[in-house]
N, C-alpha and C. Protein backbone atom coordinates (compact mmCIF):
# COMPACT_ATOMS: atom_id res chain seq x y z
N MET A 1 262.10 -73.37 14.96
CA MET A 1 262.45 -73.26 13.55
C MET A 1 261.26 -72.80 12.72
N PHE A 2 260.07 -73.14 13.13
CA PHE A 2 258.91 -72.85 12.29
C PHE A 2 257.95 -71.85 12.94
N GLY A 3 258.43 -71.11 13.93
CA GLY A 3 257.60 -70.13 14.61
C GLY A 3 257.40 -68.87 13.77
N LEU A 4 256.53 -68.02 14.24
CA LEU A 4 256.19 -66.79 13.53
C LEU A 4 257.42 -65.91 13.30
N ARG A 5 258.28 -65.76 14.32
CA ARG A 5 259.46 -64.91 14.15
C ARG A 5 260.39 -65.44 13.08
N SER A 6 260.50 -66.76 12.95
CA SER A 6 261.33 -67.34 11.90
C SER A 6 260.76 -67.03 10.52
N TRP A 7 259.45 -67.11 10.39
CA TRP A 7 258.80 -66.81 9.11
C TRP A 7 258.98 -65.34 8.75
N ILE A 8 258.84 -64.46 9.73
CA ILE A 8 259.02 -63.03 9.49
C ILE A 8 260.45 -62.75 9.05
N ALA A 9 261.43 -63.38 9.71
CA ALA A 9 262.83 -63.21 9.32
C ALA A 9 263.06 -63.73 7.91
N GLY A 10 262.40 -64.82 7.55
CA GLY A 10 262.53 -65.38 6.20
C GLY A 10 261.97 -64.45 5.14
N VAL A 11 260.84 -63.84 5.43
CA VAL A 11 260.25 -62.87 4.49
C VAL A 11 261.15 -61.66 4.35
N ARG A 12 261.67 -61.17 5.48
CA ARG A 12 262.59 -60.02 5.46
C ARG A 12 263.83 -60.33 4.62
N ALA A 13 264.39 -61.51 4.80
CA ALA A 13 265.57 -61.90 4.02
C ALA A 13 265.25 -62.01 2.54
N THR A 14 264.08 -62.56 2.21
CA THR A 14 263.68 -62.72 0.81
C THR A 14 263.51 -61.36 0.14
N THR A 15 262.93 -60.40 0.86
CA THR A 15 262.77 -59.07 0.27
C THR A 15 264.10 -58.38 0.02
N LYS A 16 265.15 -58.82 0.72
CA LYS A 16 266.49 -58.27 0.51
C LYS A 16 267.26 -59.06 -0.55
N GLY A 17 266.60 -60.07 -1.14
CA GLY A 17 267.23 -60.84 -2.20
C GLY A 17 267.95 -62.09 -1.74
N HIS A 18 267.82 -62.45 -0.46
CA HIS A 18 268.46 -63.65 0.07
C HIS A 18 267.47 -64.81 -0.03
N LEU A 19 267.70 -65.70 -0.97
CA LEU A 19 266.78 -66.80 -1.21
C LEU A 19 267.33 -68.11 -0.66
N ILE A 20 266.45 -69.07 -0.46
CA ILE A 20 266.86 -70.38 0.00
C ILE A 20 267.62 -71.06 -1.13
N ASN A 21 268.75 -71.62 -0.81
CA ASN A 21 269.61 -72.27 -1.79
C ASN A 21 269.88 -73.68 -1.29
N ARG A 22 270.92 -74.28 -1.80
CA ARG A 22 271.24 -75.64 -1.35
C ARG A 22 271.65 -75.63 0.12
N LYS A 23 271.38 -76.73 0.78
CA LYS A 23 271.67 -76.86 2.20
C LYS A 23 273.17 -76.96 2.41
N ILE A 24 273.68 -76.18 3.35
CA ILE A 24 275.08 -76.25 3.76
C ILE A 24 275.10 -76.41 5.27
N GLY A 25 275.71 -77.45 5.78
CA GLY A 25 275.77 -77.66 7.22
C GLY A 25 274.48 -78.22 7.77
N ASP A 26 274.28 -78.06 9.06
CA ASP A 26 273.13 -78.58 9.77
C ASP A 26 272.03 -77.53 9.81
N PRO A 27 270.91 -77.76 9.11
CA PRO A 27 269.86 -76.74 9.07
C PRO A 27 269.11 -76.58 10.39
N TRP A 28 269.31 -77.46 11.34
CA TRP A 28 268.61 -77.39 12.62
C TRP A 28 269.41 -76.64 13.68
N THR A 29 270.56 -76.13 13.33
CA THR A 29 271.40 -75.42 14.27
C THR A 29 270.94 -73.98 14.42
N MET A 30 270.76 -73.53 15.65
CA MET A 30 270.37 -72.15 15.91
C MET A 30 271.61 -71.26 15.83
N PRO A 31 271.42 -69.97 15.49
CA PRO A 31 272.58 -69.07 15.42
C PRO A 31 273.21 -68.88 16.79
N THR A 32 274.52 -69.04 16.84
CA THR A 32 275.26 -68.92 18.09
C THR A 32 276.59 -68.25 17.79
N LEU A 33 277.05 -67.40 18.69
CA LEU A 33 278.31 -66.69 18.53
C LEU A 33 279.01 -66.66 19.88
N PHE A 34 280.29 -67.03 19.89
CA PHE A 34 281.09 -66.98 21.11
C PHE A 34 282.33 -66.14 20.86
N ALA A 35 282.70 -65.33 21.82
CA ALA A 35 283.97 -64.60 21.78
C ALA A 35 284.88 -65.25 22.81
N VAL A 36 286.06 -65.67 22.36
CA VAL A 36 286.99 -66.41 23.22
C VAL A 36 288.31 -65.67 23.30
N ARG A 37 288.82 -65.52 24.52
CA ARG A 37 290.14 -64.92 24.73
C ARG A 37 290.89 -65.78 25.74
N ASN A 38 292.09 -66.20 25.36
CA ASN A 38 292.94 -67.01 26.24
C ASN A 38 292.18 -68.23 26.78
N ASP A 39 291.51 -68.94 25.91
CA ASP A 39 290.78 -70.16 26.26
C ASP A 39 289.60 -69.93 27.20
N HIS A 40 289.11 -68.70 27.31
CA HIS A 40 287.95 -68.40 28.15
C HIS A 40 286.89 -67.71 27.29
N VAL A 41 285.65 -68.14 27.46
CA VAL A 41 284.54 -67.49 26.76
C VAL A 41 284.27 -66.17 27.48
N ILE A 42 284.40 -65.05 26.74
CA ILE A 42 284.20 -63.74 27.35
C ILE A 42 282.92 -63.06 26.86
N GLY A 43 282.27 -63.65 25.89
CA GLY A 43 281.00 -63.12 25.40
C GLY A 43 280.29 -64.19 24.60
N GLU A 44 278.97 -64.12 24.59
CA GLU A 44 278.22 -65.12 23.83
C GLU A 44 276.87 -64.59 23.38
N PHE A 45 276.38 -65.16 22.32
CA PHE A 45 275.04 -64.91 21.83
C PHE A 45 274.45 -66.26 21.46
N ARG A 46 273.28 -66.55 21.98
CA ARG A 46 272.58 -67.79 21.64
C ARG A 46 271.23 -67.40 21.05
N GLY A 47 271.06 -67.72 19.78
CA GLY A 47 269.83 -67.35 19.08
C GLY A 47 268.61 -68.04 19.66
N ARG A 48 267.50 -67.31 19.66
CA ARG A 48 266.24 -67.86 20.16
C ARG A 48 265.42 -68.49 19.06
N HIS A 49 265.68 -68.08 17.80
CA HIS A 49 264.98 -68.66 16.66
C HIS A 49 265.91 -68.57 15.45
N ALA A 50 265.55 -69.22 14.37
CA ALA A 50 266.43 -69.35 13.22
C ALA A 50 266.80 -68.01 12.59
N GLY A 51 265.93 -67.01 12.69
CA GLY A 51 266.22 -65.72 12.07
C GLY A 51 266.79 -64.70 13.03
N ASP A 52 267.19 -65.13 14.22
CA ASP A 52 267.70 -64.23 15.24
C ASP A 52 269.11 -63.75 14.86
N HIS A 53 269.40 -62.50 15.16
CA HIS A 53 270.71 -61.92 14.89
C HIS A 53 271.30 -61.36 16.18
N PRO A 54 272.62 -61.49 16.36
CA PRO A 54 273.23 -60.94 17.57
C PRO A 54 273.29 -59.42 17.52
N ASP A 55 273.21 -58.79 18.68
CA ASP A 55 273.44 -57.36 18.81
C ASP A 55 274.95 -57.21 19.01
N LEU A 56 275.67 -57.04 17.92
CA LEU A 56 277.14 -57.02 17.98
C LEU A 56 277.66 -55.86 18.81
N ASP A 57 277.01 -54.71 18.75
CA ASP A 57 277.45 -53.57 19.55
C ASP A 57 277.38 -53.89 21.04
N ARG A 58 276.29 -54.53 21.47
CA ARG A 58 276.15 -54.91 22.88
C ARG A 58 277.19 -55.95 23.27
N LEU A 59 277.41 -56.94 22.39
CA LEU A 59 278.39 -57.98 22.68
C LEU A 59 279.79 -57.39 22.81
N ILE A 60 280.15 -56.47 21.92
CA ILE A 60 281.46 -55.82 21.98
C ILE A 60 281.58 -55.00 23.26
N ALA A 61 280.53 -54.27 23.62
CA ALA A 61 280.56 -53.48 24.85
C ALA A 61 280.76 -54.36 26.08
N GLU A 62 280.09 -55.52 26.11
CA GLU A 62 280.25 -56.45 27.23
C GLU A 62 281.68 -56.98 27.29
N MET A 63 282.27 -57.25 26.14
CA MET A 63 283.63 -57.76 26.12
C MET A 63 284.62 -56.70 26.57
N GLU A 64 284.36 -55.43 26.22
CA GLU A 64 285.24 -54.35 26.64
C GLU A 64 285.20 -54.14 28.15
N GLU A 65 284.03 -54.38 28.76
CA GLU A 65 283.91 -54.27 30.22
C GLU A 65 284.77 -55.32 30.92
N ILE A 66 284.87 -56.49 30.31
CA ILE A 66 285.63 -57.59 30.90
C ILE A 66 287.14 -57.35 30.78
N SER A 67 287.55 -56.68 29.70
CA SER A 67 288.98 -56.50 29.43
C SER A 67 289.69 -55.73 30.50
């Protein structure tokens, strides 16, 4: 949560006008994304740090391979 990459992501977000506001949810949760089809996980992204973003194009491509 407090590593260099998180700070860099925070600065990048601030320069885009995204400021820290009131807390919503659990602030210690890392970014995670799951794609589910018919009760099966067919794609996932597990963030490595708080400012991590999924590569949605890669995730979609992986899901299309499974289909």
